[in-house]
Amino acid sequence: MIRGPSHQKQMARILSLLRQERKALISADFKAFTKTSEALASAVERLGRMPVEDPEEAREGMEQIRSAARRNQALIEASRRGLDAARRLDAEVRNARTRLSTYSGTGQAQNIAPQPSTTDRRT
């Protein structure tokens, strides 16, 4: 049977993995993030199968884990928003290459399509 100290060690391992995950998120190391997240899922699953001998100690450890997981979740959401913003900006830049948007004298948006070149280029 697995005893309390192993439960404590598993919670410490999870906290360590959460710190590694945070570091990977902050440095945008998505390969390390993926690897750490997989190890974290496995560690959490193992912890869930372990019996708890000291409920108060387990509660304190779980609160630390919850707190670290919430911080990481906030970073994940911020990363997602940043990636979405980068995609939108990339699309805007690509669109700017093919059309020009401007405003009329009355404030109406107008798209100006590029005209094909009528001059020959010599090399």
PDB file of N, CA and C in Angstrom:
ATOM      1  N   MET A   1       0.834  -1.188   0.000  1.00  0.00           N
ATOM      2  CA  MET A   1       0.000   0.000   0.000  1.00  0.00           C
ATOM      3  C   MET A   1       0.877   1.249   0.000  1.00  0.00           C
ATOM      4  N   ILE A   2       0.469   2.264  -0.717  1.00  0.00           N
ATOM      5  CA  ILE A   2       1.229   3.512  -0.807  1.00  0.00           C
ATOM      6  C   ILE A   2       0.929   4.354   0.429  1.00  0.00           C
ATOM      7  N   ARG A   3       1.941   4.840   1.086  1.00  0.00           N
ATOM      8  CA  ARG A   3       1.790   5.617   2.315  1.00  0.00           C
ATOM      9  C   ARG A   3       1.856   7.119   2.023  1.00  0.00           C
ATOM     10  N   GLY A   4       1.579   7.908   3.057  1.00  0.00           N
ATOM     11  CA  GLY A   4       1.541   9.361   2.971  1.00  0.00           C
ATOM     12  C   GLY A   4       2.763  10.024   2.355  1.00  0.00           C
ATOM     13  N   PRO A   5       3.983   9.658   2.777  1.00  0.00           N
ATOM     14  CA  PRO A   5       5.147  10.337   2.214  1.00  0.00           C
ATOM     15  C   PRO A   5       5.196  10.265   0.683  1.00  0.00           C
ATOM     16  N   SER A   6       4.763   9.141   0.106  1.00  0.00           N
ATOM     17  CA  SER A   6       4.739   9.046  -1.356  1.00  0.00           C
ATOM     18  C   SER A   6       3.707  10.005  -1.928  1.00  0.00           C
ATOM     19  N   HIS A   7       2.600  10.167  -1.213  1.00  0.00           N
ATOM     20  CA  HIS A   7       1.561  11.119  -1.611  1.00  0.00           C
ATOM     21  C   HIS A   7       2.147  12.530  -1.608  1.00  0.00           C
ATOM     22  N   GLN A   8       2.894  12.849  -0.559  1.00  0.00           N
ATOM     23  CA  GLN A   8       3.542  14.160  -0.459  1.00  0.00           C
ATOM     24  C   GLN A   8       4.551  14.348  -1.595  1.00  0.00           C
ATOM     25  N   LYS A   9       5.327  13.303  -1.867  1.00  0.00           N
ATOM     26  CA  LYS A   9       6.313  13.391  -2.949  1.00  0.00           C
ATOM     27  C   LYS A   9       5.623  13.608  -4.291  1.00  0.00           C
ATOM     28  N   GLN A  10       4.486  12.952  -4.484  1.00  0.00           N
ATOM     29  CA  GLN A  10       3.769  13.104  -5.749  1.00  0.00           C
ATOM     30  C   GLN A  10       3.230  14.534  -5.880  1.00  0.00           C
ATOM     31  N   MET A  11       2.731  15.094  -4.792  1.00  0.00           N
ATOM     32  CA  MET A  11       2.271  16.486  -4.847  1.00  0.00           C
ATOM     33  C   MET A  11       3.442  17.426  -5.123  1.00  0.00           C
ATOM     34  N   ALA A  12       4.587  17.157  -4.528  1.00  0.00           N
ATOM     35  CA  ALA A  12       5.777  17.979  -4.789  1.00  0.00           C
ATOM     36  C   ALA A  12       6.193  17.851  -6.254  1.00  0.00           C
ATOM     37  N   ARG A  13       6.089  16.642  -6.805  1.00  0.00           N
ATOM     38  CA  ARG A  13       6.415  16.442  -8.226  1.00  0.00           C
ATOM     39  C   ARG A  13       5.470  17.243  -9.108  1.00  0.00           C
ATOM     40  N   ILE A  14       4.196  17.236  -8.774  1.00  0.00           N
ATOM     41  CA  ILE A  14       3.215  17.995  -9.558  1.00  0.00           C
ATOM     42  C   ILE A  14       3.528  19.480  -9.496  1.00  0.00           C
ATOM     43  N   LEU A  15       3.851  19.988  -8.319  1.00  0.00           N
ATOM     44  CA  LEU A  15       4.214  21.411  -8.199  1.00  0.00           C
ATOM     45  C   LEU A  15       5.455  21.732  -9.027  1.00  0.00           C
ATOM     46  N   SER A  16       6.426  20.830  -9.024  1.00  0.00           N
ATOM     47  CA  SER A  16       7.628  21.020  -9.825  1.00  0.00           C
ATOM     48  C   SER A  16       7.279  21.052 -11.321  1.00  0.00           C
ATOM     49  N   LEU A  17       6.422  20.141 -11.738  1.00  0.00           N
ATOM     50  CA  LEU A  17       6.007  20.115 -13.151  1.00  0.00           C
ATOM     51  C   LEU A  17       5.226  21.373 -13.519  1.00  0.00           C
ATOM     52  N   LEU A  18       4.413  21.872 -12.609  1.00  0.00           N
ATOM     53  CA  LEU A  18       3.681  23.119 -12.875  1.00  0.00           C
ATOM     54  C   LEU A  18       4.651  24.293 -13.028  1.00  0.00           C
ATOM     55  N   ARG A  19       5.719  24.307 -12.229  1.00  0.00           N
ATOM     56  CA  ARG A  19       6.739  25.364 -12.377  1.00  0.00           C
ATOM     57  C   ARG A  19       7.443  25.242 -13.726  1.00  0.00           C
ATOM     58  N   GLN A  20       7.747  24.003 -14.132  1.00  0.00           N
ATOM     59  CA  GLN A  20       8.380  23.789 -15.439  1.00  0.00           C
ATOM     60  C   GLN A  20       7.443  24.219 -16.573  1.00  0.00           C
ATOM     61  N   GLU A  21       6.172  23.900 -16.420  1.00  0.00           N
ATOM     62  CA  GLU A  21       5.187  24.279 -17.427  1.00  0.00           C
ATOM     63  C   GLU A  21       5.115  25.808 -17.541  1.00  0.00           C
ATOM     64  N   ARG A  22       5.114  26.483 -16.397  1.00  0.00           N
ATOM     65  CA  ARG A  22       5.077  27.953 -16.385  1.00  0.00           C
ATOM     66  C   ARG A  22       6.308  28.532 -17.089  1.00  0.00           C
ATOM     67  N   LYS A  23       7.464  27.971 -16.783  1.00  0.00           N
ATOM     68  CA  LYS A  23       8.706  28.433 -17.410  1.00  0.00           C
ATOM     69  C   LYS A  23       8.634  28.242 -18.929  1.00  0.00           C
ATOM     70  N   ALA A  24       8.122  27.109 -19.374  1.00  0.00           N
ATOM     71  CA  ALA A  24       7.990  26.846 -20.812  1.00  0.00           C
ATOM     72  C   ALA A  24       7.023  27.828 -21.458  1.00  0.00           C
ATOM     73  N   LEU A  25       5.933  28.150 -20.773  1.00  0.00           N
ATOM     74  CA  LEU A  25       4.967  29.115 -21.313  1.00  0.00           C
ATOM     75  C   LEU A  25       5.587  30.502 -21.432  1.00  0.00           C
ATOM     76  N   ILE A  26       6.271  30.927 -20.383  1.00  0.00           N
ATOM     77  CA  ILE A  26       6.875  32.265 -20.381  1.00  0.00           C
ATOM     78  C   ILE A  26       7.924  32.396 -21.476  1.00  0.00           C
ATOM     79  N   SER A  27       8.677  31.332 -21.728  1.00  0.00           N
ATOM     80  CA  SER A  27       9.726  31.382 -22.756  1.00  0.00           C
ATOM     81  C   SER A  27       9.206  30.959 -24.134  1.00  0.00           C
ATOM     82  N   ALA A  28       7.894  30.688 -24.233  1.00  0.00           N
ATOM     83  CA  ALA A  28       7.259  30.265 -25.497  1.00  0.00           C
ATOM     84  C   ALA A  28       7.918  29.014 -26.073  1.00  0.00           C
ATOM     85  N   ASP A  29       8.348  28.130 -25.183  1.00  0.00           N
ATOM     86  CA  ASP A  29       8.934  26.854 -25.596  1.00  0.00           C
ATOM     87  C   ASP A  29       7.804  25.821 -25.636  1.00  0.00           C
ATOM     88  N   PHE A  30       7.071  25.803 -26.749  1.00  0.00           N
ATOM     89  CA  PHE A  30       5.871  24.981 -26.842  1.00  0.00           C
ATOM     90  C   PHE A  30       6.180  23.486 -26.897  1.00  0.00           C
ATOM     91  N   LYS A  31       7.367  23.144 -27.344  1.00  0.00           N
ATOM     92  CA  LYS A  31       7.769  21.733 -27.328  1.00  0.00           C
ATOM     93  C   LYS A  31       7.925  21.270 -25.876  1.00  0.00           C
ATOM     94  N   ALA A  32       8.629  22.059 -25.066  1.00  0.00           N
ATOM     95  CA  ALA A  32       8.794  21.722 -23.648  1.00  0.00           C
ATOM     96  C   ALA A  32       7.449  21.775 -22.933  1.00  0.00           C
ATOM     97  N   PHE A  33       6.601  22.732 -23.300  1.00  0.00           N
ATOM     98  CA  PHE A  33       5.278  22.839 -22.690  1.00  0.00           C
ATOM     99  C   PHE A  33       4.479  21.553 -22.923  1.00  0.00           C
ATOM    100  N   THR A  34       4.486  21.061 -24.154  1.00  0.00           N
ATOM    101  CA  THR A  34       3.739  19.846 -24.484  1.00  0.00           C
ATOM    102  C   THR A  34       4.265  18.655 -23.686  1.00  0.00           C
ATOM    103  N   LYS A  35       5.578  18.522 -23.651  1.00  0.00           N
ATOM    104  CA  LYS A  35       6.197  17.409 -22.920  1.00  0.00           C
ATOM    105  C   LYS A  35       5.862  17.486 -21.427  1.00  0.00           C
ATOM    106  N   THR A  36       5.969  18.670 -20.856  1.00  0.00           N
ATOM    107  CA  THR A  36       5.688  18.849 -19.433  1.00  0.00           C
ATOM    108  C   THR A  36       4.213  18.625 -19.135  1.00  0.00           C
ATOM    109  N   SER A  37       3.342  19.095 -20.005  1.00  0.00           N
ATOM    110  CA  SER A  37       1.902  18.909 -19.795  1.00  0.00           C
ATOM    111  C   SER A  37       1.524  17.436 -19.790  1.00  0.00           C
ATOM    112  N   GLU A  38       2.158  16.664 -20.657  1.00  0.00           N
ATOM    113  CA  GLU A  38       1.885  15.222 -20.685  1.00  0.00           C
ATOM    114  C   GLU A  38       2.353  14.560 -19.389  1.00  0.00           C
ATOM    115  N   ALA A  39       3.533  14.934 -18.916  1.00  0.00           N
ATOM    116  CA  ALA A  39       4.049  14.383 -17.657  1.00  0.00           C
ATOM    117  C   ALA A  39       3.165  14.819 -16.488  1.00  0.00           C
ATOM    118  N   LEU A  40       2.682  16.038 -16.546  1.00  0.00           N
ATOM    119  CA  LEU A  40       1.811  16.557 -15.499  1.00  0.00           C
ATOM    120  C   LEU A  40       0.493  15.782 -15.444  1.00  0.00           C
ATOM    121  N   ALA A  41      -0.091  15.514 -16.590  1.00  0.00           N
ATOM    122  CA  ALA A  41      -1.347  14.745 -16.627  1.00  0.00           C
ATOM    123  C   ALA A  41      -1.150  13.361 -16.016  1.00  0.00           C
ATOM    124  N   SER A  42      -0.038  12.745 -16.327  1.00  0.00           N
ATOM    125  CA  SER A  42       0.271  11.422 -15.775  1.00  0.00           C
ATOM    126  C   SER A  42       0.463  11.489 -14.256  1.00  0.00           C
ATOM    127  N   ALA A  43       1.163  12.509 -13.797  1.00  0.00           N
ATOM    128  CA  ALA A  43       1.423  12.662 -12.362  1.00  0.00           C
ATOM    129  C   ALA A  43       0.125  12.916 -11.598  1.00  0.00           C
ATOM    130  N   VAL A  44      -0.759  13.707 -12.155  1.00  0.00           N
ATOM    131  CA  VAL A  44      -2.046  13.984 -11.511  1.00  0.00           C
ATOM    132  C   VAL A  44      -2.879  12.707 -11.448  1.00  0.00           C
ATOM    133  N   GLU A  45      -2.836  11.931 -12.521  1.00  0.00           N
ATOM    134  CA  GLU A  45      -3.570  10.665 -12.536  1.00  0.00           C
ATOM    135  C   GLU A  45      -3.046   9.728 -11.444  1.00  0.00           C
ATOM    136  N   ARG A  46      -1.722   9.636 -11.313  1.00  0.00           N
ATOM    137  CA  ARG A  46      -1.119   8.796 -10.264  1.00  0.00           C
ATOM    138  C   ARG A  46      -1.542   9.279  -8.872  1.00  0.00           C
ATOM    139  N   LEU A  47      -1.521  10.587  -8.682  1.00  0.00           N
ATOM    140  CA  LEU A  47      -1.907  11.145  -7.381  1.00  0.00           C
ATOM    141  C   LEU A  47      -3.354  10.775  -7.050  1.00  0.00           C
ATOM    142  N   GLY A  48      -4.211  10.806  -8.039  1.00  0.00           N
ATOM    143  CA  GLY A  48      -5.614  10.467  -7.823  1.00  0.00           C
ATOM    144  C   GLY A  48      -5.837   9.029  -7.382  1.00  0.00           C
ATOM    145  N   ARG A  49      -4.913   8.160  -7.682  1.00  0.00           N
ATOM    146  CA  ARG A  49      -5.027   6.743  -7.289  1.00  0.00           C
ATOM    147  C   ARG A  49      -4.428   6.457  -5.913  1.00  0.00           C
ATOM    148  N   MET A  50      -3.751   7.440  -5.330  1.00  0.00           N
ATOM    149  CA  MET A  50      -3.079   7.221  -4.045  1.00  0.00           C
ATOM    150  C   MET A  50      -4.026   7.492  -2.889  1.00  0.00           C
ATOM    151  N   PRO A  51      -3.954   6.656  -1.844  1.00  0.00           N
ATOM    152  CA  PRO A  51      -4.772   6.918  -0.647  1.00  0.00           C
ATOM    153  C   PRO A  51      -4.201   8.109   0.135  1.00  0.00           C
ATOM    154  N   VAL A  52      -5.082   8.811   0.799  1.00  0.00           N
ATOM    155  CA  VAL A  52      -4.685   9.980   1.595  1.00  0.00           C
ATOM    156  C   VAL A  52      -4.684   9.584   3.064  1.00  0.00           C
ATOM    157  N   GLU A  53      -3.557   9.774   3.729  1.00  0.00           N
ATOM    158  CA  GLU A  53      -3.467   9.441   5.146  1.00  0.00           C
ATOM    159  C   GLU A  53      -3.662  10.664   6.035  1.00  0.00           C
ATOM    160  N   ASP A  54      -3.275  11.836   5.563  1.00  0.00           N
ATOM    161  CA  ASP A  54      -3.434  13.064   6.349  1.00  0.00           C
ATOM    162  C   ASP A  54      -4.246  14.054   5.510  1.00  0.00           C
ATOM    163  N   PRO A  55      -5.565  14.065   5.694  1.00  0.00           N
ATOM    164  CA  PRO A  55      -6.427  14.913   4.864  1.00  0.00           C
ATOM    165  C   PRO A  55      -6.077  16.402   4.942  1.00  0.00           C
ATOM    166  N   GLU A  56      -5.698  16.898   6.097  1.00  0.00           N
ATOM    167  CA  GLU A  56      -5.371  18.321   6.211  1.00  0.00           C
ATOM    168  C   GLU A  56      -4.124  18.665   5.393  1.00  0.00           C
ATOM    169  N   GLU A  57      -3.115  17.814   5.496  1.00  0.00           N
ATOM    170  CA  GLU A  57      -1.889  18.027   4.721  1.00  0.00           C
ATOM    171  C   GLU A  57      -2.179  17.932   3.224  1.00  0.00           C
ATOM    172  N   ALA A  58      -3.010  16.972   2.852  1.00  0.00           N
ATOM    173  CA  ALA A  58      -3.378  16.808   1.447  1.00  0.00           C
ATOM    174  C   ALA A  58      -4.137  18.035   0.960  1.00  0.00           C
ATOM    175  N   ARG A  59      -5.020  18.579   1.791  1.00  0.00           N
ATOM    176  CA  ARG A  59      -5.802  19.763   1.423  1.00  0.00           C
ATOM    177  C   ARG A  59      -4.873  20.955   1.155  1.00  0.00           C
ATOM    178  N   GLU A  60      -3.891  21.134   2.017  1.00  0.00           N
ATOM    179  CA  GLU A  60      -2.932  22.229   1.837  1.00  0.00           C
ATOM    180  C   GLU A  60      -2.135  22.049   0.548  1.00  0.00           C
ATOM    181  N   GLY A  61      -1.674  20.831   0.314  1.00  0.00           N
ATOM    182  CA  GLY A  61      -0.918  20.556  -0.907  1.00  0.00           C
ATOM    183  C   GLY A  61      -1.766  20.762  -2.152  1.00  0.00           C
ATOM    184  N   MET A  62      -3.026  20.325  -2.079  1.00  0.00           N
ATOM    185  CA  MET A  62      -3.909  20.488  -3.239  1.00  0.00           C
ATOM    186  C   MET A  62      -4.208  21.958  -3.503  1.00  0.00           C
ATOM    187  N   GLU A  63      -4.290  22.764  -2.452  1.00  0.00           N
ATOM    188  CA  GLU A  63      -4.523  24.202  -2.656  1.00  0.00           C
ATOM    189  C   GLU A  63      -3.324  24.841  -3.360  1.00  0.00           C
ATOM    190  N   GLN A  64      -2.121  24.420  -3.002  1.00  0.00           N
ATOM    191  CA  GLN A  64      -0.927  24.929  -3.693  1.00  0.00           C
ATOM    192  C   GLN A  64      -0.960  24.517  -5.169  1.00  0.00           C
ATOM    193  N   ILE A  65      -1.344  23.282  -5.412  1.00  0.00           N
ATOM    194  CA  ILE A  65      -1.429  22.783  -6.789  1.00  0.00           C
ATOM    195  C   ILE A  65      -2.492  23.567  -7.559  1.00  0.00           C
ATOM    196  N   ARG A  66      -3.676  23.769  -6.955  1.00  0.00           N
ATOM    197  CA  ARG A  66      -4.740  24.536  -7.611  1.00  0.00           C
ATOM    198  C   ARG A  66      -4.277  25.947  -7.948  1.00  0.00           C
ATOM    199  N   SER A  67      -3.603  26.580  -7.011  1.00  0.00           N
ATOM    200  CA  SER A  67      -3.126  27.949  -7.216  1.00  0.00           C
ATOM    201  C   SER A  67      -2.129  28.015  -8.379  1.00  0.00           C
ATOM    202  N   ALA A  68      -1.178  27.090  -8.399  1.00  0.00           N
ATOM    203  CA  ALA A  68      -0.185  27.059  -9.489  1.00  0.00           C
ATOM    204  C   ALA A  68      -0.859  26.740 -10.821  1.00  0.00           C
ATOM    205  N   ALA A  69      -1.824  25.845 -10.801  1.00  0.00           N
ATOM    206  CA  ALA A  69      -2.535  25.489 -12.043  1.00  0.00           C
ATOM    207  C   ALA A  69      -3.331  26.683 -12.561  1.00  0.00           C
ATOM    208  N   ARG A  70      -3.951  27.460 -11.660  1.00  0.00           N
ATOM    209  CA  ARG A  70      -4.692  28.665 -12.085  1.00  0.00           C
ATOM    210  C   ARG A  70      -3.751  29.681 -12.731  1.00  0.00           C
ATOM    211  N   ARG A  71      -2.580  29.872 -12.137  1.00  0.00           N
ATOM    212  CA  ARG A  71      -1.609  30.811 -12.726  1.00  0.00           C
ATOM    213  C   ARG A  71      -1.218  30.356 -14.127  1.00  0.00           C
ATOM    214  N   ASN A  72      -0.955  29.055 -14.275  1.00  0.00           N
ATOM    215  CA  ASN A  72      -0.583  28.529 -15.589  1.00  0.00           C
ATOM    216  C   ASN A  72      -1.731  28.666 -16.575  1.00  0.00           C
ATOM    217  N   GLN A  73      -2.960  28.427 -16.106  1.00  0.00           N
ATOM    218  CA  GLN A  73      -4.116  28.558 -16.995  1.00  0.00           C
ATOM    219  C   GLN A  73      -4.236  29.993 -17.504  1.00  0.00           C
ATOM    220  N   ALA A  74      -3.972  30.957 -16.635  1.00  0.00           N
ATOM    221  CA  ALA A  74      -4.009  32.360 -17.057  1.00  0.00           C
ATOM    222  C   ALA A  74      -2.956  32.623 -18.130  1.00  0.00           C
ATOM    223  N   LEU A  75      -1.766  32.031 -17.969  1.00  0.00           N
ATOM    224  CA  LEU A  75      -0.715  32.186 -18.982  1.00  0.00           C
ATOM    225  C   LEU A  75      -1.106  31.514 -20.292  1.00  0.00           C
ATOM    226  N   ILE A  76      -1.739  30.352 -20.199  1.00  0.00           N
ATOM    227  CA  ILE A  76      -2.177  29.645 -21.406  1.00  0.00           C
ATOM    228  C   ILE A  76      -3.187  30.504 -22.162  1.00  0.00           C
ATOM    229  N   GLU A  77      -4.125  31.090 -21.438  1.00  0.00           N
ATOM    230  CA  GLU A  77      -5.129  31.952 -22.073  1.00  0.00           C
ATOM    231  C   GLU A  77      -4.474  33.187 -22.694  1.00  0.00           C
ATOM    232  N   ALA A  78      -3.523  33.768 -21.996  1.00  0.00           N
ATOM    233  CA  ALA A  78      -2.819  34.936 -22.541  1.00  0.00           C
ATOM    234  C   ALA A  78      -2.035  34.545 -23.790  1.00  0.00           C
ATOM    235  N   SER A  79      -1.406  33.377 -23.778  1.00  0.00           N
ATOM    236  CA  SER A  79      -0.677  32.897 -24.956  1.00  0.00           C
ATOM    237  C   SER A  79      -1.625  32.703 -26.137  1.00  0.00           C
ATOM    238  N   ARG A  80      -2.789  32.120 -25.848  1.00  0.00           N
ATOM    239  CA  ARG A  80      -3.779  31.898 -26.904  1.00  0.00           C
ATOM    240  C   ARG A  80      -4.234  33.230 -27.498  1.00  0.00           C
ATOM    241  N   ARG A  81      -4.512  34.201 -26.629  1.00  0.00           N
ATOM    242  CA  ARG A  81      -4.927  35.525 -27.134  1.00  0.00           C
ATOM    243  C   ARG A  81      -3.811  36.167 -27.952  1.00  0.00           C
ATOM    244  N   GLY A  82      -2.572  36.021 -27.508  1.00  0.00           N
ATOM    245  CA  GLY A  82      -1.445  36.574 -28.256  1.00  0.00           C
ATOM    246  C   GLY A  82      -1.283  35.921 -29.617  1.00  0.00           C
ATOM    247  N   LEU A  83      -1.442  34.605 -29.665  1.00  0.00           N
ATOM    248  CA  LEU A  83      -1.348  33.902 -30.948  1.00  0.00           C
ATOM    249  C   LEU A  83      -2.488  34.305 -31.882  1.00  0.00           C
ATOM    250  N   ASP A  84      -3.697  34.459 -31.321  1.00  0.00           N
ATOM    251  CA  ASP A  84      -4.832  34.915 -32.137  1.00  0.00           C
ATOM    252  C   ASP A  84      -4.569  36.309 -32.701  1.00  0.00           C
ATOM    253  N   ALA A  85      -4.025  37.194 -31.879  1.00  0.00           N
ATOM    254  CA  ALA A  85      -3.716  38.548 -32.329  1.00  0.00           C
ATOM    255  C   ALA A  85      -2.647  38.525 -33.422  1.00  0.00           C
ATOM    256  N   ALA A  86      -1.655  37.672 -33.271  1.00  0.00           N
ATOM    257  CA  ALA A  86      -0.600  37.555 -34.287  1.00  0.00           C
ATOM    258  C   ALA A  86      -1.183  37.042 -35.608  1.00  0.00           C
ATOM    259  N   ARG A  87      -2.107  36.087 -35.535  1.00  0.00           N
ATOM    260  CA  ARG A  87      -2.755  35.581 -36.756  1.00  0.00           C
ATOM    261  C   ARG A  87      -3.554  36.684 -37.449  1.00  0.00           C
ATOM    262  N   ARG A  88      -4.299  37.465 -36.644  1.00  0.00           N
ATOM    263  CA  ARG A  88      -5.080  38.569 -37.236  1.00  0.00           C
ATOM    264  C   ARG A  88      -4.159  39.593 -37.889  1.00  0.00           C
ATOM    265  N   LEU A  89      -3.069  39.932 -37.219  1.00  0.00           N
ATOM    266  CA  LEU A  89      -2.127  40.903 -37.770  1.00  0.00           C
ATOM    267  C   LEU A  89      -1.500  40.374 -39.053  1.00  0.00           C
ATOM    268  N   ASP A  90      -1.141  39.101 -39.064  1.00  0.00           N
ATOM    269  CA  ASP A  90      -0.578  38.484 -40.265  1.00  0.00           C
ATOM    270  C   ASP A  90      -1.576  38.558 -41.419  1.00  0.00           C
ATOM    271  N   ALA A  91      -2.840  38.274 -41.127  1.00  0.00           N
ATOM    272  CA  ALA A  91      -3.872  38.346 -42.170  1.00  0.00           C
ATOM    273  C   ALA A  91      -4.031  39.774 -42.679  1.00  0.00           C
ATOM    274  N   GLU A  92      -3.968  40.750 -41.787  1.00  0.00           N
ATOM    275  CA  GLU A  92      -4.068  42.155 -42.197  1.00  0.00           C
ATOM    276  C   GLU A  92      -2.905  42.542 -43.100  1.00  0.00           C
ATOM    277  N   VAL A  93      -1.712  42.102 -42.746  1.00  0.00           N
ATOM    278  CA  VAL A  93      -0.528  42.419 -43.560  1.00  0.00           C
ATOM    279  C   VAL A  93      -0.659  41.779 -44.931  1.00  0.00           C
ATOM    280  N   ARG A  94      -1.108  40.530 -44.975  1.00  0.00           N
ATOM    281  CA  ARG A  94      -1.295  39.850 -46.265  1.00  0.00           C
ATOM    282  C   ARG A  94      -2.357  40.556 -47.104  1.00  0.00           C
ATOM    283  N   ASN A  95      -3.443  40.991 -46.467  1.00  0.00           N
ATOM    284  CA  ASN A  95      -4.488  41.711 -47.189  1.00  0.00           C
ATOM    285  C   ASN A  95      -3.989  43.062 -47.687  1.00  0.00           C
ATOM    286  N   ALA A  96      -3.140  43.706 -46.919  1.00  0.00           N
ATOM    287  CA  ALA A  96      -2.617  45.014 -47.317  1.00  0.00           C
ATOM    288  C   ALA A  96      -1.776  44.913 -48.583  1.00  0.00           C
ATOM    289  N   ARG A  97      -1.220  43.749 -48.841  1.00  0.00           N
ATOM    290  CA  ARG A  97      -0.420  43.569 -50.058  1.00  0.00           C
ATOM    291  C   ARG A  97      -1.293  43.526 -51.312  1.00  0.00           C
ATOM    292  N   THR A  98      -2.552  43.133 -51.133  1.00  0.00           N
ATOM    293  CA  THR A  98      -3.418  42.945 -52.294  1.00  0.00           C
ATOM    294  C   THR A  98      -4.473  44.033 -52.452  1.00  0.00           C
ATOM    295  N   ARG A  99      -4.689  44.842 -51.434  1.00  0.00           N
ATOM    296  CA  ARG A  99      -5.677  45.912 -51.553  1.00  0.00           C
ATOM    297  C   ARG A  99      -5.317  47.052 -50.619  1.00  0.00           C
ATOM    298  N   LEU A 100      -5.873  48.186 -50.911  1.00  0.00           N
ATOM    299  CA  LEU A 100      -5.656  49.374 -50.099  1.00  0.00           C
ATOM    300  C   LEU A 100      -7.010  49.861 -49.615  1.00  0.00           C
ATOM    301  N   SER A 101      -7.138  50.066 -48.313  1.00  0.00           N
ATOM    302  CA  SER A 101      -8.369  50.606 -47.749  1.00  0.00           C
ATOM    303  C   SER A 101      -8.128  52.065 -47.405  1.00  0.00           C
ATOM    304  N   THR A 102      -9.096  52.905 -47.749  1.00  0.00           N
ATOM    305  CA  THR A 102      -9.003  54.321 -47.450  1.00  0.00           C
ATOM    306  C   THR A 102     -10.412  54.827 -47.147  1.00  0.00           C
ATOM    307  N   TYR A 103     -10.550  56.102 -46.905  1.00  0.00           N
ATOM    308  CA  TYR A 103     -11.856  56.677 -46.610  1.00  0.00           C
ATOM    309  C   TYR A 103     -12.165  57.776 -47.608  1.00  0.00           C
ATOM    310  N   SER A 104     -13.438  57.902 -47.954  1.00  0.00           N
ATOM    311  CA  SER A 104     -13.877  58.955 -48.872  1.00  0.00           C
ATOM    312  C   SER A 104     -13.992  60.265 -48.097  1.00  0.00           C
ATOM    313  N   GLY A 105     -14.308  61.319 -48.792  1.00  0.00           N
ATOM    314  CA  GLY A 105     -14.490  62.621 -48.158  1.00  0.00           C
ATOM    315  C   GLY A 105     -15.642  62.628 -47.179  1.00  0.00           C
ATOM    316  N   THR A 106     -16.575  61.709 -47.323  1.00  0.00           N
ATOM    317  CA  THR A 106     -17.722  61.618 -46.410  1.00  0.00           C
ATOM    318  C   THR A 106     -17.491  60.619 -45.277  1.00  0.00           C
ATOM    319  N   GLY A 107     -16.306  60.029 -45.216  1.00  0.00           N
ATOM    320  CA  GLY A 107     -15.977  59.103 -44.137  1.00  0.00           C
ATOM    321  C   GLY A 107     -16.336  57.659 -44.417  1.00  0.00           C
ATOM    322  N   GLN A 108     -16.742  57.351 -45.634  1.00  0.00           N
ATOM    323  CA  GLN A 108     -17.085  55.982 -45.991  1.00  0.00           C
ATOM    324  C   GLN A 108     -15.807  55.208 -46.336  1.00  0.00           C
ATOM    325  N   ALA A 109     -15.724  53.970 -45.825  1.00  0.00           N
ATOM    326  CA  ALA A 109     -14.566  53.121 -46.133  1.00  0.00           C
ATOM    327  C   ALA A 109     -14.610  52.727 -47.605  1.00  0.00           C
ATOM    328  N   GLN A 110     -13.471  52.750 -48.255  1.00  0.00           N
ATOM    329  CA  GLN A 110     -13.361  52.363 -49.661  1.00  0.00           C
ATOM    330  C   GLN A 110     -12.168  51.440 -49.826  1.00  0.00           C
ATOM    331  N   ASN A 111     -12.350  50.423 -50.641  1.00  0.00           N
ATOM    332  CA  ASN A 111     -11.242  49.540 -50.990  1.00  0.00           C
ATOM    333  C   ASN A 111     -10.784  49.905 -52.381  1.00  0.00           C
ATOM    334  N   ILE A 112      -9.504  50.069 -52.535  1.00  0.00           N
ATOM    335  CA  ILE A 112      -8.923  50.394 -53.833  1.00  0.00           C
ATOM    336  C   ILE A 112      -8.129  49.180 -54.277  1.00  0.00           C
ATOM    337  N   ALA A 113      -8.572  48.579 -55.365  1.00  0.00           N
ATOM    338  CA  ALA A 113      -7.879  47.401 -55.884  1.00  0.00           C
ATOM    339  C   ALA A 113      -6.646  47.848 -56.652  1.00  0.00           C
ATOM    340  N   PRO A 114      -5.552  47.113 -56.524  1.00  0.00           N
ATOM    341  CA  PRO A 114      -4.358  47.474 -57.285  1.00  0.00           C
ATOM    342  C   PRO A 114      -4.617  47.275 -58.786  1.00  0.00           C
ATOM    343  N   GLN A 115      -4.100  48.177 -59.575  1.00  0.00           N
ATOM    344  CA  GLN A 115      -4.238  48.087 -61.016  1.00  0.00           C
ATOM    345  C   GLN A 115      -3.068  47.298 -61.582  1.00  0.00           C
ATOM    346  N   PRO A 116      -3.331  46.457 -62.557  1.00  0.00           N
ATOM    347  CA  PRO A 116      -2.218  45.722 -63.162  1.00  0.00           C
ATOM    348  C   PRO A 116      -1.244  46.690 -63.846  1.00  0.00           C
ATOM    349  N   SER A 117      -0.030  46.357 -63.775  1.00  0.00           N
ATOM    350  CA  SER A 117       1.016  47.198 -64.380  1.00  0.00           C
ATOM    351  C   SER A 117       0.906  47.133 -65.898  1.00  0.00           C
ATOM    352  N   THR A 118       1.006  48.306 -66.519  1.00  0.00           N
ATOM    353  CA  THR A 118       0.916  48.346 -67.993  1.00  0.00           C
ATOM    354  C   THR A 118       2.288  48.585 -68.618  1.00  0.00           C
ATOM    355  N   THR A 119       3.278  48.781 -67.796  1.00  0.00           N
ATOM    356  CA  THR A 119       4.606  49.007 -68.335  1.00  0.00           C
ATOM    357  C   THR A 119       5.393  47.707 -68.302  1.00  0.00           C
ATOM    358  N   ASP A 120       6.247  47.560 -69.280  1.00  0.00           N
ATOM    359  CA  ASP A 120       7.096  46.375 -69.333  1.00  0.00           C
ATOM    360  C   ASP A 120       8.347  46.663 -68.516  1.00  0.00           C
ATOM    361  N   ARG A 121       8.770  45.690 -67.810  1.00  0.00           N
ATOM    362  CA  ARG A 121      10.020  45.830 -67.048  1.00  0.00           C
ATOM    363  C   ARG A 121      11.138  45.201 -67.875  1.00  0.00           C
ATOM    364  N   ARG A 122      12.200  45.894 -67.937  1.00  0.00           N
ATOM    365  CA  ARG A 122      13.361  45.361 -68.659  1.00  0.00           C
ATOM    366  C   ARG A 122      14.376  44.874 -67.655  1.00  0.00           C
ATOM    367  N   THR A 123      14.998  43.798 -68.005  1.00  0.00           N
ATOM    368  CA  THR A 123      16.005  43.249 -67.106  1.00  0.00           C
ATOM    369  C   THR A 123      17.389  43.589 -67.539  1.00  0.00           C
TER     370      THR A 123
END
